[in-house]
C-alpha atoms as a PDB file:
ATOM      1  CA  UNK A   1      -4.344  19.855 -10.554  1.00  0.00           C
ATOM      2  CA  UNK A   2      -3.226  23.479 -10.399  1.00  0.00           C
ATOM      3  CA  UNK A   3      -0.464  22.840 -12.933  1.00  0.00           C
ATOM      4  CA  UNK A   4      -2.925  21.593 -15.562  1.00  0.00           C
ATOM      5  CA  UNK A   5      -5.681  24.021 -14.553  1.00  0.00           C
ATOM      6  CA  UNK A   6      -8.320  21.524 -13.468  1.00  0.00           C
ATOM      7  CA  UNK A   7     -10.000  20.990 -10.136  1.00  0.00           C
ATOM      8  CA  UNK A   8      -8.566  18.454  -7.718  1.00  0.00           C
ATOM      9  CA  UNK A   9     -11.928  16.669  -7.715  1.00  0.00           C
ATOM     10  CA  UNK A  10     -11.862  16.261 -11.488  1.00  0.00           C
ATOM     11  CA  UNK A  11      -8.243  15.083 -11.399  1.00  0.00           C
ATOM     12  CA  UNK A  12      -9.186  12.593  -8.696  1.00  0.00           C
ATOM     13  CA  UNK A  13     -12.043  11.232 -10.794  1.00  0.00           C
ATOM     14  CA  UNK A  14      -9.759  10.938 -13.852  1.00  0.00           C
ATOM     15  CA  UNK A  15      -7.166   9.105 -11.771  1.00  0.00           C
ATOM     16  CA  UNK A  16      -9.756   6.640 -10.474  1.00  0.00           C
ATOM     17  CA  UNK A  17     -11.167   6.131 -13.955  1.00  0.00           C
ATOM     18  CA  UNK A  18      -7.723   5.402 -15.417  1.00  0.00           C
ATOM     19  CA  UNK A  19      -6.293   3.237 -12.638  1.00  0.00           C
ATOM     20  CA  UNK A  20      -9.340   1.694 -11.012  1.00  0.00           C
ATOM     21  CA  UNK A  21      -8.069   2.964  -7.648  1.00  0.00           C
ATOM     22  CA  UNK A  22      -8.557   6.090  -5.625  1.00  0.00           C
ATOM     23  CA  UNK A  23      -5.291   7.976  -5.190  1.00  0.00           C
ATOM     24  CA  UNK A  24      -4.856   6.840  -1.571  1.00  0.00           C
ATOM     25  CA  UNK A  25      -5.670   3.202  -2.435  1.00  0.00           C
ATOM     26  CA  UNK A  26      -3.180   3.344  -5.291  1.00  0.00           C
ATOM     27  CA  UNK A  27      -0.450   4.601  -2.954  1.00  0.00           C
ATOM     28  CA  UNK A  28      -1.306   1.863  -0.464  1.00  0.00           C
ATOM     29  CA  UNK A  29      -1.181  -0.757  -3.239  1.00  0.00           C
ATOM     30  CA  UNK A  30       2.343   0.377  -4.143  1.00  0.00           C
ATOM     31  CA  UNK A  31       3.339   0.253  -0.475  1.00  0.00           C
ATOM     32  CA  UNK A  32       1.891  -3.252  -0.050  1.00  0.00           C
ATOM     33  CA  UNK A  33       3.657  -4.466  -3.201  1.00  0.00           C
ATOM     34  CA  UNK A  34       6.937  -3.145  -1.795  1.00  0.00           C
ATOM     35  CA  UNK A  35       6.265  -4.778   1.566  1.00  0.00           C
ATOM     36  CA  UNK A  36       5.705  -8.161  -0.102  1.00  0.00           C
ATOM     37  CA  UNK A  37       9.224  -8.165  -1.498  1.00  0.00           C
ATOM     38  CA  UNK A  38      10.670  -7.063   1.848  1.00  0.00           C
ATOM     39  CA  UNK A  39       8.751  -9.855   3.586  1.00  0.00           C
ATOM     40  CA  UNK A  40      10.181 -12.367   1.100  1.00  0.00           C
ATOM     41  CA  UNK A  41      13.763 -11.133   1.138  1.00  0.00           C
ATOM     42  CA  UNK A  42      14.415 -10.131   4.762  1.00  0.00           C
ATOM     43  CA  UNK A  43      13.703 -11.048   8.358  1.00  0.00           C
ATOM     44  CA  UNK A  44      12.819  -7.462   9.299  1.00  0.00           C
ATOM     45  CA  UNK A  45      10.099  -6.933  11.884  1.00  0.00           C
ATOM     46  CA  UNK A  46       6.622  -5.823  10.881  1.00  0.00           C
ATOM     47  CA  UNK A  47       7.285  -2.416  12.423  1.00  0.00           C
ATOM     48  CA  UNK A  48      10.485  -1.970  10.404  1.00  0.00           C
ATOM     49  CA  UNK A  49       8.672  -2.965   7.212  1.00  0.00           C
ATOM     50  CA  UNK A  50       5.736  -0.684   7.997  1.00  0.00           C
ATOM     51  CA  UNK A  51       8.009   2.308   8.490  1.00  0.00           C
ATOM     52  CA  UNK A  52      10.153   1.499   5.450  1.00  0.00           C
ATOM     53  CA  UNK A  53       7.031   1.310   3.264  1.00  0.00           C
ATOM     54  CA  UNK A  54       5.635   4.622   4.500  1.00  0.00           C
ATOM     55  CA  UNK A  55       3.021   3.509   7.023  1.00  0.00           C
ATOM     56  CA  UNK A  56       2.687   5.447  10.268  1.00  0.00           C
ATOM     57  CA  UNK A  57       2.016   2.407  12.418  1.00  0.00           C
ATOM     58  CA  UNK A  58       2.411  -1.342  12.420  1.00  0.00           C
ATOM     59  CA  UNK A  59      -1.299  -1.890  13.053  1.00  0.00           C
ATOM     60  CA  UNK A  60      -2.326   0.255  10.072  1.00  0.00           C
ATOM     61  CA  UNK A  61       0.200  -1.571   7.906  1.00  0.00           C
ATOM     62  CA  UNK A  62      -1.138  -4.968   8.983  1.00  0.00           C
ATOM     63  CA  UNK A  63      -4.788  -4.034   8.451  1.00  0.00           C
ATOM     64  CA  UNK A  64      -4.034  -2.485   5.050  1.00  0.00           C
ATOM     65  CA  UNK A  65      -1.975  -5.518   4.024  1.00  0.00           C
ATOM     66  CA  UNK A  66      -4.861  -7.818   4.922  1.00  0.00           C
ATOM     67  CA  UNK A  67      -7.328  -5.587   3.053  1.00  0.00           C
ATOM     68  CA  UNK A  68      -5.283  -5.871  -0.145  1.00  0.00           C
ATOM     69  CA  UNK A  69      -4.141  -9.500   0.100  1.00  0.00           C
ATOM     70  CA  UNK A  70      -6.724 -11.256   2.242  1.00  0.00           C
ATOM     71  CA  UNK A  71      -4.078 -12.476   4.715  1.00  0.00           C
ATOM     72  CA  UNK A  72      -1.905 -10.924   7.387  1.00  0.00           C
ATOM     73  CA  UNK A  73       1.709 -10.060   6.598  1.00  0.00           C
ATOM     74  CA  UNK A  74       2.877 -12.673   9.110  1.00  0.00           C
ATOM     75  CA  UNK A  75       0.814 -15.366   7.409  1.00  0.00           C
ATOM     76  CA  UNK A  76       2.047 -14.151   4.018  1.00  0.00           C
ATOM     77  CA  UNK A  77       5.648 -14.482   5.167  1.00  0.00           C
ATOM     78  CA  UNK A  78       5.039 -18.030   6.448  1.00  0.00           C
ATOM     79  CA  UNK A  79       2.869 -19.356   3.603  1.00  0.00           C
ATOM     80  CA  UNK A  80       4.014 -17.511   0.504  1.00  0.00           C
ATOM     81  CA  UNK A  81       7.691 -17.167   1.254  1.00  0.00           C
END
């Protein structure tokens, strides 16, 4: 925001308008997308995946995953993969 001389609140509203996501939800969406491919391609634990995708805890990763996909990462691994 400072680089383009606008307020962070205005930049945040532009970001949401353009992407349909708040900045933090957009970051979490990218993290969840990355975790889906890791779940498909590896046998890593949920904690390893959470850390690799930038989450601070396994529980936050699992709750965020469910928020975005409607199912837990464990169920995703079993049913989708």
